[in-house]
Amino acid sequence: MMIDPPIDKLIKKAPCRYALVVAITKRTKELLSTDSQELANSGLKAVSYVAKEIYEDKFKIEVND
């Protein structure tokens, strides 16, 4: 079974694993709270859709100090 996007490349999109998990969680909640037509048309689950967004640089992870 192949995971898409690859987790080793996805981790490189964030400063740390914790930031990646928090960003995915926040974006997923945001998508689920709105009626996202893009999510519905993708055929993916919300977490997979967000991971793909981050991997394709459609969603940037920002860390505030």
PDB file of N, CA and C in Angstrom:
ATOM      1  N   MET A   1       0.839  -1.173   0.000  1.00  0.00           N
ATOM      2  CA  MET A   1       0.000   0.000   0.000  1.00  0.00           C
ATOM      3  C   MET A   1       0.889   1.242   0.000  1.00  0.00           C
ATOM      4  N   MET A   2       0.608   2.148  -0.880  1.00  0.00           N
ATOM      5  CA  MET A   2       1.390   3.376  -0.994  1.00  0.00           C
ATOM      6  C   MET A   2       0.616   4.536  -0.383  1.00  0.00           C
ATOM      7  N   ILE A   3       1.305   5.322   0.426  1.00  0.00           N
ATOM      8  CA  ILE A   3       0.679   6.477   1.051  1.00  0.00           C
ATOM      9  C   ILE A   3       0.953   7.691   0.183  1.00  0.00           C
ATOM     10  N   ASP A   4      -0.096   8.422  -0.132  1.00  0.00           N
ATOM     11  CA  ASP A   4       0.048   9.611  -0.966  1.00  0.00           C
ATOM     12  C   ASP A   4      -0.542  10.793  -0.232  1.00  0.00           C
ATOM     13  N   PRO A   5       0.168  11.829   0.039  1.00  0.00           N
ATOM     14  CA  PRO A   5       1.562  12.102  -0.293  1.00  0.00           C
ATOM     15  C   PRO A   5       2.510  11.367   0.661  1.00  0.00           C
ATOM     16  N   PRO A   6       3.734  11.122   0.211  1.00  0.00           N
ATOM     17  CA  PRO A   6       4.701  10.403   1.042  1.00  0.00           C
ATOM     18  C   PRO A   6       4.998  11.177   2.330  1.00  0.00           C
ATOM     19  N   ILE A   7       4.922  10.495   3.456  1.00  0.00           N
ATOM     20  CA  ILE A   7       5.067  11.151   4.752  1.00  0.00           C
ATOM     21  C   ILE A   7       6.451  11.762   4.936  1.00  0.00           C
ATOM     22  N   ASP A   8       7.491  11.142   4.402  1.00  0.00           N
ATOM     23  CA  ASP A   8       8.838  11.697   4.572  1.00  0.00           C
ATOM     24  C   ASP A   8       8.989  13.030   3.843  1.00  0.00           C
ATOM     25  N   LYS A   9       8.305  13.208   2.743  1.00  0.00           N
ATOM     26  CA  LYS A   9       8.351  14.484   2.015  1.00  0.00           C
ATOM     27  C   LYS A   9       7.394  15.499   2.632  1.00  0.00           C
ATOM     28  N   LEU A  10       6.304  15.031   3.198  1.00  0.00           N
ATOM     29  CA  LEU A  10       5.335  15.916   3.830  1.00  0.00           C
ATOM     30  C   LEU A  10       5.921  16.554   5.092  1.00  0.00           C
ATOM     31  N   ILE A  11       6.711  15.802   5.834  1.00  0.00           N
ATOM     32  CA  ILE A  11       7.332  16.317   7.051  1.00  0.00           C
ATOM     33  C   ILE A  11       8.279  17.472   6.738  1.00  0.00           C
ATOM     34  N   LYS A  12       8.890  17.468   5.581  1.00  0.00           N
ATOM     35  CA  LYS A  12       9.816  18.529   5.186  1.00  0.00           C
ATOM     36  C   LYS A  12       9.106  19.858   4.925  1.00  0.00           C
ATOM     37  N   LYS A  13       7.798  19.842   4.818  1.00  0.00           N
ATOM     38  CA  LYS A  13       7.019  21.060   4.560  1.00  0.00           C
ATOM     39  C   LYS A  13       6.747  21.855   5.839  1.00  0.00           C
ATOM     40  N   ALA A  14       7.116  21.290   6.985  1.00  0.00           N
ATOM     41  CA  ALA A  14       6.869  21.943   8.272  1.00  0.00           C
ATOM     42  C   ALA A  14       8.164  22.005   9.074  1.00  0.00           C
ATOM     43  N   PRO A  15       8.258  22.967   9.994  1.00  0.00           N
ATOM     44  CA  PRO A  15       9.465  23.072  10.803  1.00  0.00           C
ATOM     45  C   PRO A  15       9.655  21.900  11.762  1.00  0.00           C
ATOM     46  N   CYS A  16       8.544  21.260  12.180  1.00  0.00           N
ATOM     47  CA  CYS A  16       8.634  20.078  13.042  1.00  0.00           C
ATOM     48  C   CYS A  16       7.358  19.250  12.868  1.00  0.00           C
ATOM     49  N   ARG A  17       7.389  18.042  13.370  1.00  0.00           N
ATOM     50  CA  ARG A  17       6.222  17.159  13.224  1.00  0.00           C
ATOM     51  C   ARG A  17       5.001  17.705  13.958  1.00  0.00           C
ATOM     52  N   TYR A  18       5.239  18.288  15.111  1.00  0.00           N
ATOM     53  CA  TYR A  18       4.133  18.849  15.881  1.00  0.00           C
ATOM     54  C   TYR A  18       3.416  19.929  15.080  1.00  0.00           C
ATOM     55  N   ALA A  19       4.171  20.809  14.451  1.00  0.00           N
ATOM     56  CA  ALA A  19       3.578  21.883  13.647  1.00  0.00           C
ATOM     57  C   ALA A  19       2.769  21.300  12.486  1.00  0.00           C
ATOM     58  N   LEU A  20       3.257  20.226  11.899  1.00  0.00           N
ATOM     59  CA  LEU A  20       2.541  19.566  10.800  1.00  0.00           C
ATOM     60  C   LEU A  20       1.204  19.026  11.281  1.00  0.00           C
ATOM     61  N   VAL A  21       1.211  18.343  12.412  1.00  0.00           N
ATOM     62  CA  VAL A  21      -0.017  17.761  12.955  1.00  0.00           C
ATOM     63  C   VAL A  21      -1.026  18.850  13.319  1.00  0.00           C
ATOM     64  N   VAL A  22      -0.557  19.909  13.949  1.00  0.00           N
ATOM     65  CA  VAL A  22      -1.447  21.000  14.345  1.00  0.00           C
ATOM     66  C   VAL A  22      -2.044  21.675  13.103  1.00  0.00           C
ATOM     67  N   ALA A  23      -1.214  21.907  12.096  1.00  0.00           N
ATOM     68  CA  ALA A  23      -1.693  22.553  10.867  1.00  0.00           C
ATOM     69  C   ALA A  23      -2.728  21.686  10.157  1.00  0.00           C
ATOM     70  N   ILE A  24      -2.470  20.399  10.074  1.00  0.00           N
ATOM     71  CA  ILE A  24      -3.425  19.493   9.428  1.00  0.00           C
ATOM     72  C   ILE A  24      -4.736  19.470  10.205  1.00  0.00           C
ATOM     73  N   THR A  25      -4.653  19.437  11.526  1.00  0.00           N
ATOM     74  CA  THR A  25      -5.853  19.414  12.356  1.00  0.00           C
ATOM     75  C   THR A  25      -6.677  20.682  12.184  1.00  0.00           C
ATOM     76  N   LYS A  26      -6.025  21.830  12.245  1.00  0.00           N
ATOM     77  CA  LYS A  26      -6.743  23.100  12.115  1.00  0.00           C
ATOM     78  C   LYS A  26      -7.390  23.244  10.744  1.00  0.00           C
ATOM     79  N   ARG A  27      -6.651  22.915   9.703  1.00  0.00           N
ATOM     80  CA  ARG A  27      -7.188  23.044   8.343  1.00  0.00           C
ATOM     81  C   ARG A  27      -8.340  22.057   8.113  1.00  0.00           C
ATOM     82  N   THR A  28      -8.216  20.854   8.658  1.00  0.00           N
ATOM     83  CA  THR A  28      -9.283  19.860   8.515  1.00  0.00           C
ATOM     84  C   THR A  28     -10.554  20.343   9.195  1.00  0.00           C
ATOM     85  N   LYS A  29     -10.429  20.876  10.407  1.00  0.00           N
ATOM     86  CA  LYS A  29     -11.603  21.414  11.108  1.00  0.00           C
ATOM     87  C   LYS A  29     -12.231  22.554  10.320  1.00  0.00           C
ATOM     88  N   GLU A  30     -11.386  23.393   9.732  1.00  0.00           N
ATOM     89  CA  GLU A  30     -11.875  24.510   8.928  1.00  0.00           C
ATOM     90  C   GLU A  30     -12.664  24.006   7.716  1.00  0.00           C
ATOM     91  N   LEU A  31     -12.139  23.005   7.042  1.00  0.00           N
ATOM     92  CA  LEU A  31     -12.830  22.453   5.867  1.00  0.00           C
ATOM     93  C   LEU A  31     -14.157  21.811   6.245  1.00  0.00           C
ATOM     94  N   LEU A  32     -14.160  21.083   7.357  1.00  0.00           N
ATOM     95  CA  LEU A  32     -15.378  20.383   7.765  1.00  0.00           C
ATOM     96  C   LEU A  32     -16.448  21.331   8.281  1.00  0.00           C
ATOM     97  N   SER A  33     -16.048  22.496   8.797  1.00  0.00           N
ATOM     98  CA  SER A  33     -17.033  23.440   9.306  1.00  0.00           C
ATOM     99  C   SER A  33     -17.726  24.211   8.182  1.00  0.00           C
ATOM    100  N   THR A  34     -17.082  24.268   7.019  1.00  0.00           N
ATOM    101  CA  THR A  34     -17.698  24.898   5.858  1.00  0.00           C
ATOM    102  C   THR A  34     -18.158  23.807   4.900  1.00  0.00           C
ATOM    103  N   ASP A  35     -19.006  24.161   4.001  1.00  0.00           N
ATOM    104  CA  ASP A  35     -19.455  23.192   3.006  1.00  0.00           C
ATOM    105  C   ASP A  35     -18.532  23.306   1.798  1.00  0.00           C
ATOM    106  N   SER A  36     -17.386  22.655   1.885  1.00  0.00           N
ATOM    107  CA  SER A  36     -16.364  22.756   0.853  1.00  0.00           C
ATOM    108  C   SER A  36     -16.713  21.887  -0.355  1.00  0.00           C
ATOM    109  N   GLN A  37     -16.970  22.541  -1.457  1.00  0.00           N
ATOM    110  CA  GLN A  37     -17.284  21.818  -2.689  1.00  0.00           C
ATOM    111  C   GLN A  37     -16.052  21.101  -3.224  1.00  0.00           C
ATOM    112  N   GLU A  38     -14.873  21.698  -3.038  1.00  0.00           N
ATOM    113  CA  GLU A  38     -13.631  21.077  -3.501  1.00  0.00           C
ATOM    114  C   GLU A  38     -13.396  19.745  -2.801  1.00  0.00           C
ATOM    115  N   LEU A  39     -13.646  19.705  -1.501  1.00  0.00           N
ATOM    116  CA  LEU A  39     -13.483  18.469  -0.731  1.00  0.00           C
ATOM    117  C   LEU A  39     -14.473  17.416  -1.209  1.00  0.00           C
ATOM    118  N   ALA A  40     -15.695  17.821  -1.428  1.00  0.00           N
ATOM    119  CA  ALA A  40     -16.723  16.880  -1.892  1.00  0.00           C
ATOM    120  C   ALA A  40     -16.382  16.311  -3.268  1.00  0.00           C
ATOM    121  N   ASN A  41     -15.849  17.150  -4.148  1.00  0.00           N
ATOM    122  CA  ASN A  41     -15.522  16.709  -5.499  1.00  0.00           C
ATOM    123  C   ASN A  41     -14.253  15.861  -5.554  1.00  0.00           C
ATOM    124  N   SER A  42     -13.382  15.989  -4.548  1.00  0.00           N
ATOM    125  CA  SER A  42     -12.105  15.276  -4.577  1.00  0.00           C
ATOM    126  C   SER A  42     -12.259  13.782  -4.333  1.00  0.00           C
ATOM    127  N   GLY A  43     -13.276  13.399  -3.569  1.00  0.00           N
ATOM    128  CA  GLY A  43     -13.457  11.991  -3.241  1.00  0.00           C
ATOM    129  C   GLY A  43     -12.514  11.512  -2.148  1.00  0.00           C
ATOM    130  N   LEU A  44     -11.793  12.443  -1.515  1.00  0.00           N
ATOM    131  CA  LEU A  44     -10.857  12.110  -0.443  1.00  0.00           C
ATOM    132  C   LEU A  44     -11.466  12.436   0.904  1.00  0.00           C
ATOM    133  N   LYS A  45     -10.932  11.814   1.930  1.00  0.00           N
ATOM    134  CA  LYS A  45     -11.309  12.203   3.288  1.00  0.00           C
ATOM    135  C   LYS A  45     -10.627  13.525   3.590  1.00  0.00           C
ATOM    136  N   ALA A  46     -11.151  14.257   4.571  1.00  0.00           N
ATOM    137  CA  ALA A  46     -10.672  15.604   4.858  1.00  0.00           C
ATOM    138  C   ALA A  46      -9.190  15.643   5.201  1.00  0.00           C
ATOM    139  N   VAL A  47      -8.713  14.715   6.020  1.00  0.00           N
ATOM    140  CA  VAL A  47      -7.298  14.708   6.415  1.00  0.00           C
ATOM    141  C   VAL A  47      -6.404  14.446   5.199  1.00  0.00           C
ATOM    142  N   SER A  48      -6.790  13.532   4.358  1.00  0.00           N
ATOM    143  CA  SER A  48      -6.013  13.235   3.147  1.00  0.00           C
ATOM    144  C   SER A  48      -5.993  14.429   2.209  1.00  0.00           C
ATOM    145  N   TYR A  49      -7.119  15.105   2.104  1.00  0.00           N
ATOM    146  CA  TYR A  49      -7.209  16.282   1.244  1.00  0.00           C
ATOM    147  C   TYR A  49      -6.271  17.388   1.737  1.00  0.00           C
ATOM    148  N   VAL A  50      -6.244  17.615   3.049  1.00  0.00           N
ATOM    149  CA  VAL A  50      -5.386  18.643   3.626  1.00  0.00           C
ATOM    150  C   VAL A  50      -3.914  18.268   3.466  1.00  0.00           C
ATOM    151  N   ALA A  51      -3.578  17.003   3.678  1.00  0.00           N
ATOM    152  CA  ALA A  51      -2.193  16.562   3.491  1.00  0.00           C
ATOM    153  C   ALA A  51      -1.752  16.801   2.050  1.00  0.00           C
ATOM    154  N   LYS A  52      -2.639  16.558   1.111  1.00  0.00           N
ATOM    155  CA  LYS A  52      -2.324  16.802  -0.295  1.00  0.00           C
ATOM    156  C   LYS A  52      -2.158  18.297  -0.572  1.00  0.00           C
ATOM    157  N   GLU A  53      -2.990  19.130   0.050  1.00  0.00           N
ATOM    158  CA  GLU A  53      -2.863  20.580  -0.088  1.00  0.00           C
ATOM    159  C   GLU A  53      -1.495  21.058   0.396  1.00  0.00           C
ATOM    160  N   ILE A  54      -1.077  20.561   1.545  1.00  0.00           N
ATOM    161  CA  ILE A  54       0.220  20.957   2.101  1.00  0.00           C
ATOM    162  C   ILE A  54       1.345  20.474   1.204  1.00  0.00           C
ATOM    163  N   TYR A  55       1.258  19.250   0.739  1.00  0.00           N
ATOM    164  CA  TYR A  55       2.294  18.676  -0.119  1.00  0.00           C
ATOM    165  C   TYR A  55       2.435  19.453  -1.423  1.00  0.00           C
ATOM    166  N   GLU A  56       1.319  19.921  -1.967  1.00  0.00           N
ATOM    167  CA  GLU A  56       1.331  20.660  -3.235  1.00  0.00           C
ATOM    168  C   GLU A  56       1.506  22.167  -3.032  1.00  0.00           C
ATOM    169  N   ASP A  57       1.835  22.587  -1.820  1.00  0.00           N
ATOM    170  CA  ASP A  57       2.068  23.992  -1.457  1.00  0.00           C
ATOM    171  C   ASP A  57       0.853  24.887  -1.685  1.00  0.00           C
ATOM    172  N   LYS A  58      -0.331  24.330  -1.593  1.00  0.00           N
ATOM    173  CA  LYS A  58      -1.556  25.125  -1.684  1.00  0.00           C
ATOM    174  C   LYS A  58      -1.917  25.702  -0.320  1.00  0.00           C
ATOM    175  N   PHE A  59      -1.355  25.123   0.723  1.00  0.00           N
ATOM    176  CA  PHE A  59      -1.596  25.557   2.097  1.00  0.00           C
ATOM    177  C   PHE A  59      -0.235  25.601   2.793  1.00  0.00           C
ATOM    178  N   LYS A  60       0.127  26.753   3.316  1.00  0.00           N
ATOM    179  CA  LYS A  60       1.425  26.939   3.960  1.00  0.00           C
ATOM    180  C   LYS A  60       1.294  26.834   5.470  1.00  0.00           C
ATOM    181  N   ILE A  61       2.291  26.223   6.090  1.00  0.00           N
ATOM    182  CA  ILE A  61       2.331  26.104   7.546  1.00  0.00           C
ATOM    183  C   ILE A  61       3.146  27.259   8.088  1.00  0.00           C
ATOM    184  N   GLU A  62       2.507  28.067   8.933  1.00  0.00           N
ATOM    185  CA  GLU A  62       3.175  29.201   9.557  1.00  0.00           C
ATOM    186  C   GLU A  62       3.252  28.974  11.054  1.00  0.00           C
ATOM    187  N   VAL A  63       4.414  29.222  11.618  1.00  0.00           N
ATOM    188  CA  VAL A  63       4.601  29.058  13.056  1.00  0.00           C
ATOM    189  C   VAL A  63       4.786  30.431  13.668  1.00  0.00           C
ATOM    190  N   ASN A  64       3.949  30.751  14.636  1.00  0.00           N
ATOM    191  CA  ASN A  64       4.052  32.034  15.348  1.00  0.00           C
ATOM    192  C   ASN A  64       4.780  31.801  16.659  1.00  0.00           C
ATOM    193  N   ASP A  65       5.780  32.616  16.920  1.00  0.00           N
ATOM    194  CA  ASP A  65       6.537  32.463  18.166  1.00  0.00           C
ATOM    195  C   ASP A  65       5.866  33.140  19.316  1.00  0.00           C
TER     196      ASP A  65
END
